[in-house]
All heavy atoms as atom14 arrays in JSON, in Angstrom:
{
  "sequence": "TAESLQDRQLLRRTDAVAVRTLLPGIAVVKLGGASILDRGPE",
  "atom14_mask": [
    [1, 1, 1, 1, 1, 1, 1, 0, 0, 0, 0, 0, 0, 0],
    [1, 1, 1, 1, 1, 0, 0, 0, 0, 0, 0, 0, 0, 0],
    [1, 1, 1, 1, 1, 1, 1, 1, 1, 0, 0, 0, 0, 0],
    [1, 1, 1, 1, 1, 1, 0, 0, 0, 0, 0, 0, 0, 0],
    [1, 1, 1, 1, 1, 1, 1, 1, 0, 0, 0, 0, 0, 0],
    [1, 1, 1, 1, 1, 1, 1, 1, 1, 0, 0, 0, 0, 0],
    [1, 1, 1, 1, 1, 1, 1, 1, 0, 0, 0, 0, 0, 0],
    [1, 1, 1, 1, 1, 1, 1, 1, 1, 1, 1, 0, 0, 0],
    [1, 1, 1, 1, 1, 1, 1, 1, 1, 0, 0, 0, 0, 0],
    [1, 1, 1, 1, 1, 1, 1, 1, 0, 0, 0, 0, 0, 0],
    [1, 1, 1, 1, 1, 1, 1, 1, 0, 0, 0, 0, 0, 0],
    [1, 1, 1, 1, 1, 1, 1, 1, 1, 1, 1, 0, 0, 0],
    [1, 1, 1, 1, 1, 1, 1, 1, 1, 1, 1, 0, 0, 0],
    [1, 1, 1, 1, 1, 1, 1, 0, 0, 0, 0, 0, 0, 0],
    [1, 1, 1, 1, 1, 1, 1, 1, 0, 0, 0, 0, 0, 0],
    [1, 1, 1, 1, 1, 0, 0, 0, 0, 0, 0, 0, 0, 0],
    [1, 1, 1, 1, 1, 1, 1, 0, 0, 0, 0, 0, 0, 0],
    [1, 1, 1, 1, 1, 0, 0, 0, 0, 0, 0, 0, 0, 0],
    [1, 1, 1, 1, 1, 1, 1, 0, 0, 0, 0, 0, 0, 0],
    [1, 1, 1, 1, 1, 1, 1, 1, 1, 1, 1, 0, 0, 0],
    [1, 1, 1, 1, 1, 1, 1, 0, 0, 0, 0, 0, 0, 0],
    [1, 1, 1, 1, 1, 1, 1, 1, 0, 0, 0, 0, 0, 0],
    [1, 1, 1, 1, 1, 1, 1, 1, 0, 0, 0, 0, 0, 0],
    [1, 1, 1, 1, 1, 1, 1, 0, 0, 0, 0, 0, 0, 0],
    [1, 1, 1, 1, 0, 0, 0, 0, 0, 0, 0, 0, 0, 0],
    [1, 1, 1, 1, 1, 1, 1, 1, 0, 0, 0, 0, 0, 0],
    [1, 1, 1, 1, 1, 0, 0, 0, 0, 0, 0, 0, 0, 0],
    [1, 1, 1, 1, 1, 1, 1, 0, 0, 0, 0, 0, 0, 0],
    [1, 1, 1, 1, 1, 1, 1, 0, 0, 0, 0, 0, 0, 0],
    [1, 1, 1, 1, 1, 1, 1, 1, 1, 0, 0, 0, 0, 0],
    [1, 1, 1, 1, 1, 1, 1, 1, 0, 0, 0, 0, 0, 0],
    [1, 1, 1, 1, 0, 0, 0, 0, 0, 0, 0, 0, 0, 0],
    [1, 1, 1, 1, 0, 0, 0, 0, 0, 0, 0, 0, 0, 0],
    [1, 1, 1, 1, 1, 0, 0, 0, 0, 0, 0, 0, 0, 0],
    [1, 1, 1, 1, 1, 1, 0, 0, 0, 0, 0, 0, 0, 0],
    [1, 1, 1, 1, 1, 1, 1, 1, 0, 0, 0, 0, 0, 0],
    [1, 1, 1, 1, 1, 1, 1, 1, 0, 0, 0, 0, 0, 0],
    [1, 1, 1, 1, 1, 1, 1, 1, 0, 0, 0, 0, 0, 0],
    [1, 1, 1, 1, 1, 1, 1, 1, 1, 1, 1, 0, 0, 0],
    [1, 1, 1, 1, 0, 0, 0, 0, 0, 0, 0, 0, 0, 0],
    [1, 1, 1, 1, 1, 1, 1, 0, 0, 0, 0, 0, 0, 0],
    [1, 1, 1, 1, 1, 1, 1, 1, 1, 0, 0, 0, 0, 0]
  ],
  "atom14_positions": [
    [[0.82, -1.18, -0.02], [0.0, 0.01, -0.01], [0.84, 1.23, 0.01], [0.5, 2.25, -0.59], [-0.95, 0.04, 1.22], [-0.18, -0.18, 2.43], [-1.99, -1.09, 1.08], [0.0, 0.0, 0.0], [0.0, 0.0, 0.0], [0.0, 0.0, 0.0], [0.0, 0.0, 0.0], [0.0, 0.0, 0.0], [0.0, 0.0, 0.0], [0.0, 0.0, 0.0]],
    [[1.98, 1.26, 0.63], [2.8, 2.45, 0.73], [4.03, 2.4, -0.1], [4.98, 3.22, 0.06], [3.18, 2.69, 2.19], [0.0, 0.0, 0.0], [0.0, 0.0, 0.0], [0.0, 0.0, 0.0], [0.0, 0.0, 0.0], [0.0, 0.0, 0.0], [0.0, 0.0, 0.0], [0.0, 0.0, 0.0], [0.0, 0.0, 0.0], [0.0, 0.0, 0.0]],
    [[4.1, 1.48, -0.95], [5.27, 1.28, -1.84], [5.01, 1.47, -3.33], [3.86, 1.34, -3.77], [5.88, -0.14, -1.6], [6.28, -0.49, -0.19], [7.46, 0.34, 0.34], [8.23, 0.81, -0.54], [7.59, 0.41, 1.55], [0.0, 0.0, 0.0], [0.0, 0.0, 0.0], [0.0, 0.0, 0.0], [0.0, 0.0, 0.0], [0.0, 0.0, 0.0]],
    [[6.03, 1.74, -4.12], [5.88, 1.91, -5.52], [5.83, 0.56, -6.22], [6.68, -0.32, -5.93], [7.04, 2.76, -6.06], [7.05, 2.69, -7.48], [0.0, 0.0, 0.0], [0.0, 0.0, 0.0], [0.0, 0.0, 0.0], [0.0, 0.0, 0.0], [0.0, 0.0, 0.0], [0.0, 0.0, 0.0], [0.0, 0.0, 0.0], [0.0, 0.0, 0.0]],
    [[4.86, 0.4, -7.05], [4.75, -0.86, -7.81], [5.76, -0.92, -8.98], [5.72, -1.83, -9.81], [3.36, -1.1, -8.27], [2.27, -1.35, -7.17], [0.94, -1.66, -7.84], [2.73, -2.46, -6.29], [0.0, 0.0, 0.0], [0.0, 0.0, 0.0], [0.0, 0.0, 0.0], [0.0, 0.0, 0.0], [0.0, 0.0, 0.0], [0.0, 0.0, 0.0]],
    [[6.66, 0.09, -9.0], [7.74, 0.05, -9.98], [9.0, -0.53, -9.38], [10.01, -0.73, -10.02], [8.05, 1.5, -10.44], [6.87, 2.25, -11.01], [6.17, 1.56, -12.16], [6.8, 0.97, -13.03], [4.85, 1.5, -12.11], [0.0, 0.0, 0.0], [0.0, 0.0, 0.0], [0.0, 0.0, 0.0], [0.0, 0.0, 0.0], [0.0, 0.0, 0.0]],
    [[8.94, -0.85, -8.08], [10.11, -1.42, -7.38], [10.22, -2.89, -7.7], [9.42, -3.7, -7.25], [9.92, -1.19, -5.87], [11.11, -1.66, -5.06], [11.8, -2.52, -5.52], [11.32, -1.09, -3.93], [0.0, 0.0, 0.0], [0.0, 0.0, 0.0], [0.0, 0.0, 0.0], [0.0, 0.0, 0.0], [0.0, 0.0, 0.0], [0.0, 0.0, 0.0]],
    [[11.25, -3.24, -8.46], [11.38, -4.62, -8.91], [11.63, -5.62, -7.74], [11.16, -6.7, -7.74], [12.53, -4.75, -9.93], [12.16, -4.06, -11.27], [13.28, -4.3, -12.28], [12.97, -3.58, -13.52], [12.18, -4.1, -14.45], [11.67, -5.19, -14.31], [11.94, -3.4, -15.59], [0.0, 0.0, 0.0], [0.0, 0.0, 0.0], [0.0, 0.0, 0.0]],
    [[12.41, -5.12, -6.72], [12.61, -6.06, -5.59], [11.3, -6.32, -4.83], [11.02, -7.42, -4.43], [13.68, -5.43, -4.68], [15.06, -5.43, -5.26], [16.06, -4.92, -4.27], [15.74, -4.48, -3.13], [17.35, -5.03, -4.59], [0.0, 0.0, 0.0], [0.0, 0.0, 0.0], [0.0, 0.0, 0.0], [0.0, 0.0, 0.0], [0.0, 0.0, 0.0]],
    [[10.49, -5.25, -4.68], [9.22, -5.46, -4.07], [8.34, -6.41, -4.86], [7.7, -7.35, -4.3], [8.52, -4.08, -3.96], [7.08, -4.12, -3.37], [7.12, -4.49, -1.93], [6.38, -2.78, -3.56], [0.0, 0.0, 0.0], [0.0, 0.0, 0.0], [0.0, 0.0, 0.0], [0.0, 0.0, 0.0], [0.0, 0.0, 0.0], [0.0, 0.0, 0.0]],
    [[8.32, -6.26, -6.16], [7.48, -7.15, -6.99], [7.96, -8.57, -6.94], [7.23, -9.51, -6.9], [7.54, -6.71, -8.45], [6.87, -5.31, -8.73], [6.98, -4.99, -10.19], [5.43, -5.31, -8.33], [0.0, 0.0, 0.0], [0.0, 0.0, 0.0], [0.0, 0.0, 0.0], [0.0, 0.0, 0.0], [0.0, 0.0, 0.0], [0.0, 0.0, 0.0]],
    [[9.27, -8.79, -6.85], [9.83, -10.15, -6.72], [9.36, -10.79, -5.42], [9.16, -11.97, -5.34], [11.33, -10.18, -6.85], [11.87, -10.11, -8.26], [13.35, -10.46, -8.32], [14.17, -9.46, -7.71], [14.67, -8.38, -8.36], [14.46, -8.19, -9.64], [15.43, -7.54, -7.7], [0.0, 0.0, 0.0], [0.0, 0.0, 0.0], [0.0, 0.0, 0.0]],
    [[9.25, -9.97, -4.4], [8.83, -10.5, -3.09], [7.34, -10.99, -3.09], [6.96, -11.75, -2.2], [9.05, -9.46, -2.0], [10.54, -9.27, -1.62], [10.73, -8.64, -0.27], [10.19, -7.27, -0.22], [10.89, -6.15, -0.53], [12.12, -6.24, -0.95], [10.27, -5.01, -0.42], [0.0, 0.0, 0.0], [0.0, 0.0, 0.0], [0.0, 0.0, 0.0]],
    [[6.56, -10.57, -4.07], [5.2, -10.99, -4.08], [5.16, -12.54, -4.5], [4.12, -13.16, -4.41], [4.33, -10.17, -5.07], [4.87, -10.33, -6.4], [4.32, -8.76, -4.66], [0.0, 0.0, 0.0], [0.0, 0.0, 0.0], [0.0, 0.0, 0.0], [0.0, 0.0, 0.0], [0.0, 0.0, 0.0], [0.0, 0.0, 0.0], [0.0, 0.0, 0.0]],
    [[6.27, -13.09, -4.95], [6.33, -14.51, -5.32], [6.71, -15.3, -4.09], [7.03, -16.54, -4.26], [7.36, -14.72, -6.43], [6.61, -14.9, -7.79], [5.42, -15.22, -7.79], [7.25, -14.75, -8.83], [0.0, 0.0, 0.0], [0.0, 0.0, 0.0], [0.0, 0.0, 0.0], [0.0, 0.0, 0.0], [0.0, 0.0, 0.0], [0.0, 0.0, 0.0]],
    [[6.81, -14.69, -2.89], [7.29, -15.45, -1.74], [6.33, -16.65, -1.43], [6.75, -17.64, -0.92], [7.4, -14.53, -0.52], [0.0, 0.0, 0.0], [0.0, 0.0, 0.0], [0.0, 0.0, 0.0], [0.0, 0.0, 0.0], [0.0, 0.0, 0.0], [0.0, 0.0, 0.0], [0.0, 0.0, 0.0], [0.0, 0.0, 0.0], [0.0, 0.0, 0.0]],
    [[5.09, -16.4, -1.68], [4.05, -17.46, -1.47], [3.74, -18.13, -2.81], [3.45, -17.41, -3.82], [2.79, -16.93, -0.79], [1.74, -17.99, -0.7], [3.08, -16.25, 0.49], [0.0, 0.0, 0.0], [0.0, 0.0, 0.0], [0.0, 0.0, 0.0], [0.0, 0.0, 0.0], [0.0, 0.0, 0.0], [0.0, 0.0, 0.0], [0.0, 0.0, 0.0]],
    [[3.77, -19.44, -2.88], [3.57, -20.16, -4.08], [2.16, -19.88, -4.61], [1.18, -19.78, -3.88], [3.73, -21.65, -3.91], [0.0, 0.0, 0.0], [0.0, 0.0, 0.0], [0.0, 0.0, 0.0], [0.0, 0.0, 0.0], [0.0, 0.0, 0.0], [0.0, 0.0, 0.0], [0.0, 0.0, 0.0], [0.0, 0.0, 0.0], [0.0, 0.0, 0.0]],
    [[2.02, -19.79, -5.95], [0.72, -19.55, -6.57], [-0.14, -20.81, -6.34], [0.31, -22.0, -6.54], [0.85, -19.29, -8.07], [-0.55, -19.1, -8.69], [1.72, -18.15, -8.34], [0.0, 0.0, 0.0], [0.0, 0.0, 0.0], [0.0, 0.0, 0.0], [0.0, 0.0, 0.0], [0.0, 0.0, 0.0], [0.0, 0.0, 0.0], [0.0, 0.0, 0.0]],
    [[-1.33, -20.62, -5.91], [-2.29, -21.72, -5.62], [-2.86, -22.32, -6.95], [-3.27, -21.54, -7.81], [-3.46, -21.26, -4.74], [-4.37, -22.32, -4.3], [-5.55, -21.74, -3.44], [-5.02, -21.08, -2.25], [-4.7, -21.63, -1.14], [-4.85, -22.92, -0.99], [-4.3, -20.88, -0.12], [0.0, 0.0, 0.0], [0.0, 0.0, 0.0], [0.0, 0.0, 0.0]],
    [[-2.8, -23.63, -7.11], [-3.39, -24.24, -8.28], [-4.9, -24.46, -7.99], [-5.28, -25.07, -6.97], [-2.71, -25.6, -8.48], [-2.76, -26.41, -7.37], [-1.24, -25.43, -8.94], [0.0, 0.0, 0.0], [0.0, 0.0, 0.0], [0.0, 0.0, 0.0], [0.0, 0.0, 0.0], [0.0, 0.0, 0.0], [0.0, 0.0, 0.0], [0.0, 0.0, 0.0]],
    [[-5.7, -23.94, -8.87], [-7.17, -23.97, -8.7], [-7.79, -25.23, -9.24], [-8.69, -25.84, -8.61], [-7.79, -22.73, -9.27], [-7.23, -21.42, -8.78], [-7.93, -20.24, -9.49], [-7.45, -21.24, -7.27], [0.0, 0.0, 0.0], [0.0, 0.0, 0.0], [0.0, 0.0, 0.0], [0.0, 0.0, 0.0], [0.0, 0.0, 0.0], [0.0, 0.0, 0.0]],
    [[-7.38, -25.64, -10.41], [-7.91, -26.84, -11.09], [-6.83, -27.68, -11.67], [-6.72, -27.88, -12.82], [-8.93, -26.39, -12.18], [-10.16, -25.61, -11.76], [-10.91, -25.14, -12.99], [-11.08, -26.49, -10.95], [0.0, 0.0, 0.0], [0.0, 0.0, 0.0], [0.0, 0.0, 0.0], [0.0, 0.0, 0.0], [0.0, 0.0, 0.0], [0.0, 0.0, 0.0]],
    [[-5.99, -28.24, -10.78], [-4.77, -28.91, -11.33], [-5.11, -30.23, -12.08], [-4.28, -30.67, -12.89], [-3.99, -29.26, -10.02], [-5.06, -29.28, -8.93], [-6.08, -28.27, -9.35], [0.0, 0.0, 0.0], [0.0, 0.0, 0.0], [0.0, 0.0, 0.0], [0.0, 0.0, 0.0], [0.0, 0.0, 0.0], [0.0, 0.0, 0.0], [0.0, 0.0, 0.0]],
    [[-6.24, -30.8, -11.86], [-6.58, -32.13, -12.56], [-7.23, -31.95, -13.94], [-7.52, -32.95, -14.5], [0.0, 0.0, 0.0], [0.0, 0.0, 0.0], [0.0, 0.0, 0.0], [0.0, 0.0, 0.0], [0.0, 0.0, 0.0], [0.0, 0.0, 0.0], [0.0, 0.0, 0.0], [0.0, 0.0, 0.0], [0.0, 0.0, 0.0], [0.0, 0.0, 0.0]],
    [[-7.39, -30.71, -14.34], [-8.06, -30.49, -15.64], [-7.05, -30.63, -16.8], [-5.95, -30.15, -16.73], [-8.71, -29.14, -15.64], [-9.66, -28.96, -14.48], [-9.42, -28.89, -17.01], [-10.73, -30.01, -14.41], [0.0, 0.0, 0.0], [0.0, 0.0, 0.0], [0.0, 0.0, 0.0], [0.0, 0.0, 0.0], [0.0, 0.0, 0.0], [0.0, 0.0, 0.0]],
    [[-7.44, -31.27, -17.84], [-6.66, -31.41, -19.05], [-7.2, -30.37, -20.09], [-8.42, -30.36, -20.41], [-6.73, -32.77, -19.64], [0.0, 0.0, 0.0], [0.0, 0.0, 0.0], [0.0, 0.0, 0.0], [0.0, 0.0, 0.0], [0.0, 0.0, 0.0], [0.0, 0.0, 0.0], [0.0, 0.0, 0.0], [0.0, 0.0, 0.0], [0.0, 0.0, 0.0]],
    [[-6.28, -29.48, -20.51], [-6.69, -28.46, -21.49], [-6.27, -28.94, -22.89], [-5.08, -29.23, -23.1], [-6.03, -27.1, -21.12], [-6.45, -26.07, -22.21], [-6.42, -26.66, -19.75], [0.0, 0.0, 0.0], [0.0, 0.0, 0.0], [0.0, 0.0, 0.0], [0.0, 0.0, 0.0], [0.0, 0.0, 0.0], [0.0, 0.0, 0.0], [0.0, 0.0, 0.0]],
    [[-7.25, -29.05, -23.78], [-6.97, -29.54, -25.17], [-7.39, -28.45, -26.16], [-8.56, -28.06, -26.17], [-7.67, -30.86, -25.48], [-7.42, -31.36, -26.85], [-7.23, -31.92, -24.46], [0.0, 0.0, 0.0], [0.0, 0.0, 0.0], [0.0, 0.0, 0.0], [0.0, 0.0, 0.0], [0.0, 0.0, 0.0], [0.0, 0.0, 0.0], [0.0, 0.0, 0.0]],
    [[-6.47, -27.98, -26.95], [-6.81, -26.96, -27.92], [-6.84, -27.52, -29.3], [-5.91, -28.14, -29.83], [-5.74, -25.84, -27.85], [-6.25, -24.54, -28.57], [-5.52, -24.38, -29.91], [-6.07, -23.16, -30.65], [-5.3, -22.74, -31.82], [0.0, 0.0, 0.0], [0.0, 0.0, 0.0], [0.0, 0.0, 0.0], [0.0, 0.0, 0.0], [0.0, 0.0, 0.0]],
    [[-8.02, -27.35, -30.04], [-8.17, -27.78, -31.37], [-7.82, -26.66, -32.34], [-8.38, -25.55, -32.27], [-9.63, -28.21, -31.64], [-10.21, -29.32, -30.74], [-11.63, -29.73, -31.22], [-9.26, -30.54, -30.72], [0.0, 0.0, 0.0], [0.0, 0.0, 0.0], [0.0, 0.0, 0.0], [0.0, 0.0, 0.0], [0.0, 0.0, 0.0], [0.0, 0.0, 0.0]],
    [[-6.88, -26.93, -33.22], [-6.44, -25.88, -34.16], [-7.57, -25.56, -35.13], [-8.19, -26.51, -35.67], [0.0, 0.0, 0.0], [0.0, 0.0, 0.0], [0.0, 0.0, 0.0], [0.0, 0.0, 0.0], [0.0, 0.0, 0.0], [0.0, 0.0, 0.0], [0.0, 0.0, 0.0], [0.0, 0.0, 0.0], [0.0, 0.0, 0.0], [0.0, 0.0, 0.0]],
    [[-7.81, -24.31, -35.38], [-8.83, -23.92, -36.34], [-8.43, -24.28, -37.72], [-9.2, -25.0, -38.44], [0.0, 0.0, 0.0], [0.0, 0.0, 0.0], [0.0, 0.0, 0.0], [0.0, 0.0, 0.0], [0.0, 0.0, 0.0], [0.0, 0.0, 0.0], [0.0, 0.0, 0.0], [0.0, 0.0, 0.0], [0.0, 0.0, 0.0], [0.0, 0.0, 0.0]],
    [[-7.26, -23.83, -38.21], [-6.86, -24.14, -39.52], [-6.45, -25.61, -39.74], [-6.74, -26.21, -40.76], [-5.67, -23.22, -39.95], [0.0, 0.0, 0.0], [0.0, 0.0, 0.0], [0.0, 0.0, 0.0], [0.0, 0.0, 0.0], [0.0, 0.0, 0.0], [0.0, 0.0, 0.0], [0.0, 0.0, 0.0], [0.0, 0.0, 0.0], [0.0, 0.0, 0.0]],
    [[-5.86, -26.15, -38.68], [-5.33, -27.5, -38.83], [-6.35, -28.6, -38.67], [-6.22, -29.68, -39.21], [-4.17, -27.77, -37.81], [-4.57, -27.38, -36.55], [0.0, 0.0, 0.0], [0.0, 0.0, 0.0], [0.0, 0.0, 0.0], [0.0, 0.0, 0.0], [0.0, 0.0, 0.0], [0.0, 0.0, 0.0], [0.0, 0.0, 0.0], [0.0, 0.0, 0.0]],
    [[-7.48, -28.38, -37.94], [-8.4, -29.4, -37.71], [-9.79, -28.98, -38.21], [-10.33, -29.62, -39.08], [-8.52, -29.73, -36.18], [-7.23, -30.23, -35.64], [-9.62, -30.73, -35.96], [-6.74, -31.53, -36.22], [0.0, 0.0, 0.0], [0.0, 0.0, 0.0], [0.0, 0.0, 0.0], [0.0, 0.0, 0.0], [0.0, 0.0, 0.0], [0.0, 0.0, 0.0]],
    [[-10.39, -27.84, -37.73], [-11.71, -27.52, -38.16], [-11.84, -27.19, -39.65], [-12.78, -27.63, -40.3], [-12.22, -26.27, -37.33], [-12.93, -26.64, -36.04], [-11.93, -27.0, -34.93], [-13.85, -25.44, -35.6], [0.0, 0.0, 0.0], [0.0, 0.0, 0.0], [0.0, 0.0, 0.0], [0.0, 0.0, 0.0], [0.0, 0.0, 0.0], [0.0, 0.0, 0.0]],
    [[-10.9, -26.48, -40.15], [-10.97, -26.03, -41.59], [-10.83, -27.19, -42.53], [-11.12, -27.1, -43.74], [-9.92, -25.02, -41.94], [-10.23, -23.66, -41.22], [-11.36, -23.5, -40.71], [-9.34, -22.77, -41.25], [0.0, 0.0, 0.0], [0.0, 0.0, 0.0], [0.0, 0.0, 0.0], [0.0, 0.0, 0.0], [0.0, 0.0, 0.0], [0.0, 0.0, 0.0]],
    [[-10.33, -28.37, -42.05], [-10.25, -29.53, -42.86], [-11.56, -30.28, -43.07], [-11.61, -31.22, -43.9], [-9.16, -30.48, -42.29], [-7.76, -30.05, -42.44], [-6.8, -30.96, -41.78], [-5.4, -30.65, -42.05], [-4.68, -31.09, -43.05], [-5.28, -31.89, -43.97], [-3.43, -30.69, -43.27], [0.0, 0.0, 0.0], [0.0, 0.0, 0.0], [0.0, 0.0, 0.0]],
    [[-12.58, -29.88, -42.37], [-13.87, -30.43, -42.6], [-14.18, -31.68, -41.81], [-13.38, -32.09, -40.91], [0.0, 0.0, 0.0], [0.0, 0.0, 0.0], [0.0, 0.0, 0.0], [0.0, 0.0, 0.0], [0.0, 0.0, 0.0], [0.0, 0.0, 0.0], [0.0, 0.0, 0.0], [0.0, 0.0, 0.0], [0.0, 0.0, 0.0], [0.0, 0.0, 0.0]],
    [[-15.24, -32.36, -42.12], [-15.72, -33.57, -41.28], [-14.68, -34.69, -41.22], [-14.62, -35.36, -40.25], [-16.97, -33.99, -41.93], [-16.95, -33.33, -43.31], [-16.2, -32.13, -43.16], [0.0, 0.0, 0.0], [0.0, 0.0, 0.0], [0.0, 0.0, 0.0], [0.0, 0.0, 0.0], [0.0, 0.0, 0.0], [0.0, 0.0, 0.0], [0.0, 0.0, 0.0]],
    [[-13.92, -34.89, -42.31], [-12.89, -35.96, -42.31], [-11.97, -35.85, -41.21], [-11.47, -36.8, -40.62], [-12.24, -36.06, -43.68], [-13.16, -36.42, -44.85], [-13.98, -35.27, -45.37], [-13.68, -34.11, -44.92], [-14.93, -35.49, -46.18], [0.0, 0.0, 0.0], [0.0, 0.0, 0.0], [0.0, 0.0, 0.0], [0.0, 0.0, 0.0], [0.0, 0.0, 0.0]]
  ]
}
């Protein structure tokens, strides 16, 4: 609250606590538009 958010050392300290994983068991699968959808039903 009383510090500059331009301070790089301060910003690095925000990583002191590990980022919480919210949905670790989810598999993310991306379908390419040009590579899959544009090729049609086949």
